[in-house]
Amino acid sequence: MDFCRLFQAISDKQRQKILLHLQEKDCCVSELVDMSRISQSSISKHLSVLRNAGLVEDERRGQHVFYSLQCENLKSFCREYFKRFECCHGLFVGEEEKTGDVSLMIQPKSS
């Protein structure tokens, strides 16, 4: 997993706004332009960075391409990154109950 690419992608404030907006609903570029008030080419570049990091997915629907947040990828990236730190081991306990995935449970290291 390329954490540098992930953190570079989410470090930009405009991309953070895009991700938060896509969390609410799938959008085409023109909707994101209206929301952000930046140029279409800038939005397209931001979406390319987010897509290359695995955080958004695109799908053609008629004449438009819609973008959606890849929630499972985002959760997986966060889980994988933060479980590397002992102080974060308890953050994802309980997630396995929601998803049924026992591999998500992170247990603190025994002392």
Protein backbone atom coordinates (compact mmCIF):
# COMPACT_ATOMS: atom_id res chain seq x y z
CA MET A 1 0.00 0.00 0.00
CA ASP A 2 1.43 3.36 -1.04
CA PHE A 3 0.77 5.57 1.98
CA CYS A 4 2.77 8.46 0.49
CA ARG A 5 0.37 8.61 -2.47
CA LEU A 6 -2.61 8.44 -0.11
CA PHE A 7 -1.40 11.23 2.16
CA GLN A 8 -0.32 13.38 -0.76
CA ALA A 9 -3.80 12.98 -2.24
CA ILE A 10 -5.62 13.96 0.95
CA SER A 11 -3.22 16.73 1.97
CA ASP A 12 -4.76 19.27 -0.40
CA LYS A 13 -7.70 21.28 1.02
CA GLN A 14 -9.56 21.29 -2.29
CA ARG A 15 -9.29 17.51 -2.58
CA GLN A 16 -10.53 17.18 1.01
CA LYS A 17 -13.60 19.23 0.04
CA ILE A 18 -14.15 17.03 -3.00
CA LEU A 19 -13.96 13.88 -0.88
CA LEU A 20 -16.41 15.29 1.65
CA HIS A 21 -18.79 16.26 -1.14
CA LEU A 22 -18.53 12.82 -2.76
CA GLN A 23 -19.30 11.28 0.60
CA GLU A 24 -22.78 12.82 0.29
CA LYS A 25 -23.46 11.79 -3.34
CA ASP A 26 -21.86 10.84 -6.63
CA CYS A 27 -21.12 13.89 -8.77
CA CYS A 28 -20.02 14.82 -12.25
CA VAL A 29 -17.26 17.35 -12.84
CA SER A 30 -19.66 20.21 -13.53
CA GLU A 31 -21.34 19.72 -10.13
CA LEU A 32 -17.95 19.79 -8.43
CA VAL A 33 -17.02 22.94 -10.36
CA ASP A 34 -20.22 24.63 -9.15
CA MET A 35 -19.56 23.49 -5.59
CA SER A 36 -15.93 24.59 -5.48
CA ARG A 37 -15.90 27.56 -7.86
CA ILE A 38 -12.59 26.48 -9.40
CA SER A 39 -11.97 25.63 -13.04
CA GLN A 40 -12.99 22.39 -14.68
CA SER A 41 -9.37 21.58 -15.52
CA SER A 42 -8.35 22.01 -11.86
CA ILE A 43 -11.19 19.76 -10.69
CA SER A 44 -10.19 17.16 -13.28
CA LYS A 45 -6.58 17.23 -12.05
CA HIS A 46 -7.71 16.84 -8.43
CA LEU A 47 -9.96 13.93 -9.39
CA SER A 48 -7.08 12.29 -11.24
CA VAL A 49 -4.91 12.45 -8.11
CA LEU A 50 -7.73 11.02 -5.99
CA ARG A 51 -8.44 8.27 -8.53
CA ASN A 52 -4.74 7.31 -8.72
CA ALA A 53 -4.70 7.03 -4.93
CA GLY A 54 -7.70 4.69 -5.06
CA LEU A 55 -10.01 7.10 -3.24
CA VAL A 56 -12.51 7.80 -6.03
CA GLU A 57 -13.93 5.83 -8.91
CA ASP A 58 -15.43 7.10 -12.13
CA GLU A 59 -18.37 5.75 -14.11
CA ARG A 60 -19.81 6.95 -17.40
CA ARG A 61 -23.55 7.59 -17.25
CA GLY A 62 -24.80 8.84 -20.59
CA GLN A 63 -22.83 11.94 -21.57
CA HIS A 64 -21.37 12.50 -18.10
CA VAL A 65 -18.73 10.82 -15.98
CA PHE A 66 -19.74 10.53 -12.35
CA TYR A 67 -17.27 10.21 -9.52
CA SER A 68 -17.88 8.37 -6.28
CA LEU A 69 -15.96 8.05 -3.03
CA GLN A 70 -14.47 4.61 -2.51
CA CYS A 71 -15.42 4.35 1.17
CA GLU A 72 -14.10 0.84 1.66
CA ASN A 73 -10.71 1.79 0.20
CA LEU A 74 -10.49 4.87 2.43
CA LYS A 75 -11.37 2.84 5.53
CA SER A 76 -8.93 0.11 4.57
CA PHE A 77 -6.09 2.60 3.96
CA CYS A 78 -6.70 4.29 7.31
CA ARG A 79 -6.95 0.98 9.13
CA GLU A 80 -3.75 -0.37 7.56
CA TYR A 81 -1.79 2.80 8.21
CA PHE A 82 -2.83 3.43 11.79
CA LYS A 83 -2.56 -0.17 12.97
CA ARG A 84 1.20 0.24 12.51
CA PHE A 85 1.21 2.43 15.62
CA GLU A 86 0.76 0.71 18.95
CA CYS A 87 -1.03 3.73 20.43
CA CYS A 88 -3.74 3.36 17.76
CA HIS A 89 -4.41 -0.35 18.20
CA GLY A 90 -7.81 0.16 19.81
CA LEU A 91 -9.19 2.49 17.14
CA PHE A 92 -10.81 -0.15 14.99
CA VAL A 93 -12.01 -2.64 17.60
CA GLY A 94 -15.71 -3.13 16.96
CA GLU A 95 -15.43 -2.61 13.19
CA GLU A 96 -15.50 -6.38 12.69
CA GLU A 97 -18.99 -6.48 14.18
CA LYS A 98 -20.28 -4.04 11.56
CA THR A 99 -18.60 -5.73 8.60
CA GLY A 100 -18.36 -9.32 9.81
CA ASP A 101 -14.62 -9.25 9.08
CA VAL A 102 -12.65 -10.57 12.04
CA SER A 103 -9.38 -9.49 10.39
CA LEU A 104 -10.33 -5.87 11.10
CA MET A 105 -10.07 -6.29 14.82
CA ILE A 106 -6.85 -4.85 16.17
CA GLN A 107 -5.83 -6.04 19.59
CA PRO A 108 -3.39 -4.11 21.80
CA LYS A 109 -0.03 -5.74 22.31
CA SER A 110 0.22 -7.70 25.56
CA SER A 111 2.51 -6.22 28.17
